[in-house]
Amino acid sequence: EKRIDAHLFITTLAYHVLHAIRYELGEQNITASWENIRRAMVSQVRVTTAMRTKDGGQLQVRSTTKPTSAQRAIYRALAIPFNPKRVKTVN
């Protein structure tokens, strides 16, 4: 029963998030279906490259692929920055 309740909660939450996104996009005259929005967004990825340093530490370089014009339009409509900064971490 707990698993069912959790599943229903997550499904309801996802529905409301989806509806909020579609509403905001509609306000900016982006009326594509959710399937087309997902298809447009799937090609942008975040890549992390990890390397060992000579002293045994680890260097991680994280970067994001450049967004397409369709992706930039969606990001702009949702007021989301589409060009996150690179992250470099030494552990």
Protein backbone atom coordinates (compact mmCIF):
# COMPACT_ATOMS: atom_id res chain seq x y z
CA GLU A 1 0.00 0.00 0.00
CA LYS A 2 2.88 2.42 0.76
CA ARG A 3 4.39 1.78 -2.66
CA ILE A 4 1.07 2.49 -4.34
CA ASP A 5 0.64 5.70 -2.34
CA ALA A 6 4.16 6.80 -3.27
CA HIS A 7 3.53 6.01 -6.93
CA LEU A 8 0.31 8.01 -6.93
CA PHE A 9 2.04 10.94 -5.21
CA ILE A 10 4.92 11.00 -7.71
CA THR A 11 2.53 10.68 -10.64
CA THR A 12 0.36 13.55 -9.36
CA LEU A 13 3.41 15.70 -8.68
CA ALA A 14 4.78 15.01 -12.18
CA TYR A 15 1.40 15.93 -13.69
CA HIS A 16 1.40 19.29 -11.91
CA VAL A 17 5.01 20.04 -12.91
CA LEU A 18 4.18 19.15 -16.52
CA HIS A 19 1.07 21.35 -16.44
CA ALA A 20 3.05 24.30 -15.00
CA ILE A 21 5.70 23.94 -17.72
CA ARG A 22 3.10 23.70 -20.50
CA TYR A 23 1.28 26.74 -19.07
CA GLU A 24 4.43 28.86 -18.98
CA LEU A 25 5.37 27.79 -22.51
CA GLY A 26 1.84 28.58 -23.71
CA GLU A 27 2.16 32.08 -22.26
CA GLN A 28 5.12 32.54 -24.64
CA ASN A 29 3.18 31.05 -27.60
CA ILE A 30 5.07 27.75 -27.53
CA THR A 31 2.25 25.28 -28.07
CA ALA A 32 4.19 22.15 -29.00
CA SER A 33 3.08 18.82 -27.57
CA TRP A 34 4.93 17.43 -24.57
CA GLU A 35 6.38 14.74 -26.85
CA ASN A 36 7.82 17.38 -29.19
CA ILE A 37 9.17 19.42 -26.27
CA ARG A 38 10.92 16.33 -24.88
CA ARG A 39 12.26 15.45 -28.33
CA ALA A 40 13.67 18.97 -28.71
CA MET A 41 15.30 18.96 -25.27
CA VAL A 42 16.82 15.47 -25.26
CA SER A 43 19.87 16.37 -27.35
CA GLN A 44 21.39 18.78 -24.83
CA VAL A 45 23.53 16.93 -22.33
CA ARG A 46 25.90 17.63 -19.46
CA VAL A 47 29.25 15.87 -19.76
CA THR A 48 31.62 15.17 -16.88
CA THR A 49 35.19 14.10 -17.52
CA ALA A 50 37.16 12.80 -14.53
CA MET A 51 40.95 12.45 -14.50
CA ARG A 52 43.48 11.41 -11.86
CA THR A 53 46.24 13.87 -11.04
CA LYS A 54 49.85 12.84 -10.48
CA ASP A 55 49.49 13.35 -6.73
CA GLY A 56 46.50 10.97 -6.52
CA GLY A 57 43.75 13.58 -6.58
CA GLN A 58 40.94 13.73 -9.04
CA LEU A 59 40.10 16.52 -11.47
CA GLN A 60 36.56 16.77 -12.81
CA VAL A 61 35.64 19.01 -15.71
CA ARG A 62 31.92 19.41 -16.34
CA SER A 63 30.49 21.14 -19.38
CA THR A 64 27.17 21.35 -21.20
CA THR A 65 26.58 21.06 -24.92
CA LYS A 66 25.37 24.19 -26.69
CA PRO A 67 21.58 24.46 -26.90
CA THR A 68 19.81 24.54 -30.24
CA SER A 69 17.62 27.50 -31.15
CA ALA A 70 14.50 25.51 -30.15
CA GLN A 71 16.07 24.68 -26.78
CA ARG A 72 17.04 28.32 -26.22
CA ALA A 73 13.44 29.39 -26.94
CA ILE A 74 12.13 26.91 -24.35
CA TYR A 75 14.72 27.98 -21.77
CA ARG A 76 13.90 31.66 -22.38
CA ALA A 77 10.15 31.00 -22.04
CA LEU A 78 10.75 29.26 -18.70
CA ALA A 79 13.33 31.85 -17.53
CA ILE A 80 15.97 29.14 -17.13
CA PRO A 81 19.63 29.94 -17.91
CA PHE A 82 20.71 27.73 -20.80
CA ASN A 83 24.45 28.14 -20.57
CA PRO A 84 25.59 26.87 -17.17
CA LYS A 85 29.17 27.58 -16.18
CA ARG A 86 31.82 24.92 -16.40
CA VAL A 87 32.65 23.28 -13.11
CA LYS A 88 36.15 22.17 -12.19
CA THR A 89 36.69 20.24 -9.00
CA VAL A 90 39.82 18.80 -7.46
CA ASN A 91 39.28 16.09 -4.84
